[in-house]
Amino acid sequence: MAKAFGFNEDELKLLLVAVRHMRRTFAEARQKDPALEAYAQLYDDLFEKLRDMAGPLPEKVEDLIE
């Protein structure tokens, strides 16, 4: 599926890492300011879409991105 959007496997991995980082950035902020919840949810949704595009991930990669 990623190739249908013009991403190669390395680019998709980089996108997953970048979105994972943003999700972690929002984790603490979400607890302090509920107004950020909707914005943070966008990153959660994007992360799930990218994971779907990536297809099955090796177990050690799966552990790293969670």
PDB file of N, CA and C in Angstrom:
ATOM      1  N   MET A   1       0.818  -1.196   0.000  1.00  0.00           N
ATOM      2  CA  MET A   1       0.000   0.000   0.000  1.00  0.00           C
ATOM      3  C   MET A   1       0.861   1.258   0.000  1.00  0.00           C
ATOM      4  N   ALA A   2       1.977   1.246   0.716  1.00  0.00           N
ATOM      5  CA  ALA A   2       2.839   2.434   0.782  1.00  0.00           C
ATOM      6  C   ALA A   2       3.335   2.826  -0.598  1.00  0.00           C
ATOM      7  N   LYS A   3       3.631   1.842  -1.416  1.00  0.00           N
ATOM      8  CA  LYS A   3       4.128   2.142  -2.760  1.00  0.00           C
ATOM      9  C   LYS A   3       3.071   2.836  -3.605  1.00  0.00           C
ATOM     10  N   ALA A   4       1.807   2.563  -3.312  1.00  0.00           N
ATOM     11  CA  ALA A   4       0.724   3.230  -4.039  1.00  0.00           C
ATOM     12  C   ALA A   4       0.734   4.733  -3.774  1.00  0.00           C
ATOM     13  N   PHE A   5       1.278   5.132  -2.631  1.00  0.00           N
ATOM     14  CA  PHE A   5       1.359   6.544  -2.290  1.00  0.00           C
ATOM     15  C   PHE A   5       2.740   7.122  -2.569  1.00  0.00           C
ATOM     16  N   GLY A   6       3.635   6.327  -3.151  1.00  0.00           N
ATOM     17  CA  GLY A   6       4.951   6.823  -3.531  1.00  0.00           C
ATOM     18  C   GLY A   6       6.006   6.734  -2.448  1.00  0.00           C
ATOM     19  N   PHE A   7       5.760   5.993  -1.372  1.00  0.00           N
ATOM     20  CA  PHE A   7       6.747   5.821  -0.309  1.00  0.00           C
ATOM     21  C   PHE A   7       7.498   4.520  -0.510  1.00  0.00           C
ATOM     22  N   ASN A   8       8.805   4.552  -0.278  1.00  0.00           N
ATOM     23  CA  ASN A   8       9.521   3.280  -0.216  1.00  0.00           C
ATOM     24  C   ASN A   8       9.551   2.840   1.249  1.00  0.00           C
ATOM     25  N   GLU A   9      10.058   1.653   1.535  1.00  0.00           N
ATOM     26  CA  GLU A   9      10.014   1.111   2.894  1.00  0.00           C
ATOM     27  C   GLU A   9      10.784   1.981   3.882  1.00  0.00           C
ATOM     28  N   ASP A  10      11.935   2.505   3.483  1.00  0.00           N
ATOM     29  CA  ASP A  10      12.724   3.344   4.387  1.00  0.00           C
ATOM     30  C   ASP A  10      12.003   4.644   4.719  1.00  0.00           C
ATOM     31  N   GLU A  11      11.353   5.245   3.734  1.00  0.00           N
ATOM     32  CA  GLU A  11      10.599   6.477   3.985  1.00  0.00           C
ATOM     33  C   GLU A  11       9.434   6.217   4.930  1.00  0.00           C
ATOM     34  N   LEU A  12       8.787   5.097   4.749  1.00  0.00           N
ATOM     35  CA  LEU A  12       7.662   4.763   5.614  1.00  0.00           C
ATOM     36  C   LEU A  12       8.136   4.538   7.049  1.00  0.00           C
ATOM     37  N   LYS A  13       9.275   3.893   7.216  1.00  0.00           N
ATOM     38  CA  LYS A  13       9.834   3.693   8.557  1.00  0.00           C
ATOM     39  C   LYS A  13      10.152   5.034   9.212  1.00  0.00           C
ATOM     40  N   LEU A  14      10.711   5.953   8.444  1.00  0.00           N
ATOM     41  CA  LEU A  14      11.015   7.280   8.983  1.00  0.00           C
ATOM     42  C   LEU A  14       9.742   8.013   9.397  1.00  0.00           C
ATOM     43  N   LEU A  15       8.691   7.887   8.605  1.00  0.00           N
ATOM     44  CA  LEU A  15       7.422   8.507   8.964  1.00  0.00           C
ATOM     45  C   LEU A  15       6.857   7.913  10.251  1.00  0.00           C
ATOM     46  N   LEU A  16       6.955   6.608  10.404  1.00  0.00           N
ATOM     47  CA  LEU A  16       6.485   5.969  11.630  1.00  0.00           C
ATOM     48  C   LEU A  16       7.252   6.483  12.843  1.00  0.00           C
ATOM     49  N   VAL A  17       8.571   6.603  12.709  1.00  0.00           N
ATOM     50  CA  VAL A  17       9.395   7.104  13.820  1.00  0.00           C
ATOM     51  C   VAL A  17       9.027   8.547  14.147  1.00  0.00           C
ATOM     52  N   ALA A  18       8.849   9.379  13.119  1.00  0.00           N
ATOM     53  CA  ALA A  18       8.522  10.788  13.339  1.00  0.00           C
ATOM     54  C   ALA A  18       7.164  10.935  14.042  1.00  0.00           C
ATOM     55  N   VAL A  19       6.188  10.178  13.599  1.00  0.00           N
ATOM     56  CA  VAL A  19       4.861  10.275  14.210  1.00  0.00           C
ATOM     57  C   VAL A  19       4.892   9.690  15.617  1.00  0.00           C
ATOM     58  N   ARG A  20       5.641   8.626  15.819  1.00  0.00           N
ATOM     59  CA  ARG A  20       5.779   8.056  17.165  1.00  0.00           C
ATOM     60  C   ARG A  20       6.368   9.103  18.105  1.00  0.00           C
ATOM     61  N   HIS A  21       7.365   9.842  17.625  1.00  0.00           N
ATOM     62  CA  HIS A  21       7.977  10.881  18.444  1.00  0.00           C
ATOM     63  C   HIS A  21       6.954  11.962  18.801  1.00  0.00           C
ATOM     64  N   MET A  22       6.144  12.359  17.845  1.00  0.00           N
ATOM     65  CA  MET A  22       5.125  13.370  18.117  1.00  0.00           C
ATOM     66  C   MET A  22       4.090  12.848  19.113  1.00  0.00           C
ATOM     67  N   ARG A  23       3.730  11.586  19.014  1.00  0.00           N
ATOM     68  CA  ARG A  23       2.786  11.007  19.967  1.00  0.00           C
ATOM     69  C   ARG A  23       3.360  11.060  21.374  1.00  0.00           C
ATOM     70  N   ARG A  24       4.650  10.764  21.507  1.00  0.00           N
ATOM     71  CA  ARG A  24       5.296  10.819  22.823  1.00  0.00           C
ATOM     72  C   ARG A  24       5.384  12.249  23.327  1.00  0.00           C
ATOM     73  N   THR A  25       5.598  13.189  22.427  1.00  0.00           N
ATOM     74  CA  THR A  25       5.655  14.590  22.802  1.00  0.00           C
ATOM     75  C   THR A  25       4.327  15.035  23.401  1.00  0.00           C
ATOM     76  N   PHE A  26       3.237  14.561  22.846  1.00  0.00           N
ATOM     77  CA  PHE A  26       1.914  14.952  23.314  1.00  0.00           C
ATOM     78  C   PHE A  26       1.466  14.192  24.558  1.00  0.00           C
ATOM     79  N   ALA A  27       2.103  13.097  24.884  1.00  0.00           N
ATOM     80  CA  ALA A  27       1.643  12.276  26.007  1.00  0.00           C
ATOM     81  C   ALA A  27       1.568  13.079  27.310  1.00  0.00           C
ATOM     82  N   GLU A  28       2.622  13.791  27.645  1.00  0.00           N
ATOM     83  CA  GLU A  28       2.617  14.581  28.881  1.00  0.00           C
ATOM     84  C   GLU A  28       1.719  15.804  28.754  1.00  0.00           C
ATOM     85  N   ALA A  29       1.773  16.455  27.614  1.00  0.00           N
ATOM     86  CA  ALA A  29       0.963  17.657  27.402  1.00  0.00           C
ATOM     87  C   ALA A  29      -0.532  17.343  27.472  1.00  0.00           C
ATOM     88  N   ARG A  30      -0.930  16.171  27.010  1.00  0.00           N
ATOM     89  CA  ARG A  30      -2.338  15.767  27.049  1.00  0.00           C
ATOM     90  C   ARG A  30      -2.866  15.729  28.475  1.00  0.00           C
ATOM     91  N   GLN A  31      -2.015  15.284  29.387  1.00  0.00           N
ATOM     92  CA  GLN A  31      -2.425  15.176  30.780  1.00  0.00           C
ATOM     93  C   GLN A  31      -2.604  16.547  31.416  1.00  0.00           C
ATOM     94  N   LYS A  32      -1.824  17.516  30.988  1.00  0.00           N
ATOM     95  CA  LYS A  32      -1.858  18.850  31.585  1.00  0.00           C
ATOM     96  C   LYS A  32      -2.905  19.764  30.953  1.00  0.00           C
ATOM     97  N   ASP A  33      -3.191  19.567  29.673  1.00  0.00           N
ATOM     98  CA  ASP A  33      -4.110  20.463  28.972  1.00  0.00           C
ATOM     99  C   ASP A  33      -5.052  19.651  28.076  1.00  0.00           C
ATOM    100  N   PRO A  34      -6.245  19.397  28.549  1.00  0.00           N
ATOM    101  CA  PRO A  34      -7.203  18.596  27.769  1.00  0.00           C
ATOM    102  C   PRO A  34      -7.545  19.207  26.410  1.00  0.00           C
ATOM    103  N   ALA A  35      -7.308  20.488  26.228  1.00  0.00           N
ATOM    104  CA  ALA A  35      -7.604  21.126  24.944  1.00  0.00           C
ATOM    105  C   ALA A  35      -6.725  20.563  23.827  1.00  0.00           C
ATOM    106  N   LEU A  36      -5.611  19.962  24.179  1.00  0.00           N
ATOM    107  CA  LEU A  36      -4.708  19.375  23.181  1.00  0.00           C
ATOM    108  C   LEU A  36      -5.158  18.002  22.708  1.00  0.00           C
ATOM    109  N   GLU A  37      -6.145  17.450  23.357  1.00  0.00           N
ATOM    110  CA  GLU A  37      -6.561  16.077  23.051  1.00  0.00           C
ATOM    111  C   GLU A  37      -6.938  15.887  21.583  1.00  0.00           C
ATOM    112  N   ALA A  38      -7.700  16.788  21.022  1.00  0.00           N
ATOM    113  CA  ALA A  38      -8.131  16.638  19.626  1.00  0.00           C
ATOM    114  C   ALA A  38      -6.934  16.674  18.681  1.00  0.00           C
ATOM    115  N   TYR A  39      -5.999  17.564  18.949  1.00  0.00           N
ATOM    116  CA  TYR A  39      -4.808  17.672  18.108  1.00  0.00           C
ATOM    117  C   TYR A  39      -3.932  16.423  18.247  1.00  0.00           C
ATOM    118  N   ALA A  40      -3.771  15.966  19.470  1.00  0.00           N
ATOM    119  CA  ALA A  40      -2.980  14.768  19.716  1.00  0.00           C
ATOM    120  C   ALA A  40      -3.626  13.548  19.076  1.00  0.00           C
ATOM    121  N   GLN A  41      -4.959  13.520  19.051  1.00  0.00           N
ATOM    122  CA  GLN A  41      -5.670  12.394  18.440  1.00  0.00           C
ATOM    123  C   GLN A  41      -5.360  12.292  16.949  1.00  0.00           C
ATOM    124  N   LEU A  42      -5.116  13.417  16.302  1.00  0.00           N
ATOM    125  CA  LEU A  42      -4.735  13.395  14.885  1.00  0.00           C
ATOM    126  C   LEU A  42      -3.443  12.599  14.682  1.00  0.00           C
ATOM    127  N   TYR A  43      -2.472  12.776  15.584  1.00  0.00           N
ATOM    128  CA  TYR A  43      -1.224  12.031  15.489  1.00  0.00           C
ATOM    129  C   TYR A  43      -1.446  10.547  15.764  1.00  0.00           C
ATOM    130  N   ASP A  44      -2.319  10.232  16.716  1.00  0.00           N
ATOM    131  CA  ASP A  44      -2.630   8.829  16.985  1.00  0.00           C
ATOM    132  C   ASP A  44      -3.253   8.170  15.755  1.00  0.00           C
ATOM    133  N   ASP A  45      -4.192   8.873  15.131  1.00  0.00           N
ATOM    134  CA  ASP A  45      -4.851   8.337  13.936  1.00  0.00           C
ATOM    135  C   ASP A  45      -3.869   8.182  12.775  1.00  0.00           C
ATOM    136  N   LEU A  46      -3.006   9.180  12.601  1.00  0.00           N
ATOM    137  CA  LEU A  46      -2.000   9.115  11.541  1.00  0.00           C
ATOM    138  C   LEU A  46      -1.056   7.944  11.767  1.00  0.00           C
ATOM    139  N   PHE A  47      -0.647   7.739  13.004  1.00  0.00           N
ATOM    140  CA  PHE A  47       0.239   6.625  13.332  1.00  0.00           C
ATOM    141  C   PHE A  47      -0.404   5.297  12.946  1.00  0.00           C
ATOM    142  N   GLU A  48      -1.670   5.131  13.283  1.00  0.00           N
ATOM    143  CA  GLU A  48      -2.360   3.879  12.951  1.00  0.00           C
ATOM    144  C   GLU A  48      -2.477   3.688  11.440  1.00  0.00           C
ATOM    145  N   LYS A  49      -2.741   4.746  10.714  1.00  0.00           N
ATOM    146  CA  LYS A  49      -2.822   4.639   9.252  1.00  0.00           C
ATOM    147  C   LYS A  49      -1.481   4.241   8.658  1.00  0.00           C
ATOM    148  N   LEU A  50      -0.406   4.840   9.160  1.00  0.00           N
ATOM    149  CA  LEU A  50       0.928   4.490   8.657  1.00  0.00           C
ATOM    150  C   LEU A  50       1.281   3.049   8.991  1.00  0.00           C
ATOM    151  N   ARG A  51       0.894   2.596  10.170  1.00  0.00           N
ATOM    152  CA  ARG A  51       1.142   1.189  10.526  1.00  0.00           C
ATOM    153  C   ARG A  51       0.392   0.257   9.593  1.00  0.00           C
ATOM    154  N   ASP A  52      -0.834   0.610   9.249  1.00  0.00           N
ATOM    155  CA  ASP A  52      -1.604  -0.200   8.307  1.00  0.00           C
ATOM    156  C   ASP A  52      -0.922  -0.239   6.948  1.00  0.00           C
ATOM    157  N   MET A  53      -0.402   0.909   6.517  1.00  0.00           N
ATOM    158  CA  MET A  53       0.285   0.983   5.228  1.00  0.00           C
ATOM    159  C   MET A  53       1.561   0.147   5.230  1.00  0.00           C
ATOM    160  N   ALA A  54       2.229   0.096   6.367  1.00  0.00           N
ATOM    161  CA  ALA A  54       3.498  -0.634   6.459  1.00  0.00           C
ATOM    162  C   ALA A  54       3.288  -2.138   6.389  1.00  0.00           C
ATOM    163  N   GLY A  55       2.107  -2.585   6.742  1.00  0.00           N
ATOM    164  CA  GLY A  55       1.849  -4.019   6.749  1.00  0.00           C
ATOM    165  C   GLY A  55       2.482  -4.665   7.971  1.00  0.00           C
ATOM    166  N   PRO A  56       2.625  -5.973   7.960  1.00  0.00           N
ATOM    167  CA  PRO A  56       3.208  -6.662   9.113  1.00  0.00           C
ATOM    168  C   PRO A  56       4.648  -6.196   9.346  1.00  0.00           C
ATOM    169  N   LEU A  57       4.945  -5.894  10.598  1.00  0.00           N
ATOM    170  CA  LEU A  57       6.293  -5.463  10.955  1.00  0.00           C
ATOM    171  C   LEU A  57       6.996  -6.575  11.712  1.00  0.00           C
ATOM    172  N   PRO A  58       8.323  -6.671  11.540  1.00  0.00           N
ATOM    173  CA  PRO A  58       9.059  -7.655  12.339  1.00  0.00           C
ATOM    174  C   PRO A  58       8.848  -7.386  13.827  1.00  0.00           C
ATOM    175  N   GLU A  59       8.872  -8.445  14.639  1.00  0.00           N
ATOM    176  CA  GLU A  59       8.572  -8.316  16.059  1.00  0.00           C
ATOM    177  C   GLU A  59       9.458  -7.293  16.761  1.00  0.00           C
ATOM    178  N   LYS A  60      10.759  -7.274  16.447  1.00  0.00           N
ATOM    179  CA  LYS A  60      11.639  -6.327  17.148  1.00  0.00           C
ATOM    180  C   LYS A  60      11.354  -4.880  16.720  1.00  0.00           C
ATOM    181  N   VAL A  61      10.869  -4.665  15.523  1.00  0.00           N
ATOM    182  CA  VAL A  61      10.479  -3.325  15.098  1.00  0.00           C
ATOM    183  C   VAL A  61       9.184  -2.942  15.784  1.00  0.00           C
ATOM    184  N   GLU A  62       8.254  -3.870  15.858  1.00  0.00           N
ATOM    185  CA  GLU A  62       6.978  -3.625  16.528  1.00  0.00           C
ATOM    186  C   GLU A  62       7.199  -3.175  17.962  1.00  0.00           C
ATOM    187  N   ASP A  63       8.149  -3.828  18.664  1.00  0.00           N
ATOM    188  CA  ASP A  63       8.448  -3.451  20.051  1.00  0.00           C
ATOM    189  C   ASP A  63       9.009  -2.040  20.140  1.00  0.00           C
ATOM    190  N   LEU A  64       9.782  -1.620  19.163  1.00  0.00           N
ATOM    191  CA  LEU A  64      10.403  -0.303  19.192  1.00  0.00           C
ATOM    192  C   LEU A  64       9.411   0.835  18.961  1.00  0.00           C
ATOM    193  N   ILE A  65       8.400   0.612  18.150  1.00  0.00           N
ATOM    194  CA  ILE A  65       7.505   1.722  17.819  1.00  0.00           C
ATOM    195  C   ILE A  65       6.355   1.872  18.795  1.00  0.00           C
ATOM    196  N   GLU A  66       6.148   0.934  19.653  1.00  0.00           N
ATOM    197  CA  GLU A  66       5.055   1.049  20.643  1.00  0.00           C
ATOM    198  C   GLU A  66       5.474   1.858  21.780  1.00  0.00           C
TER     199      GLU A  66
END
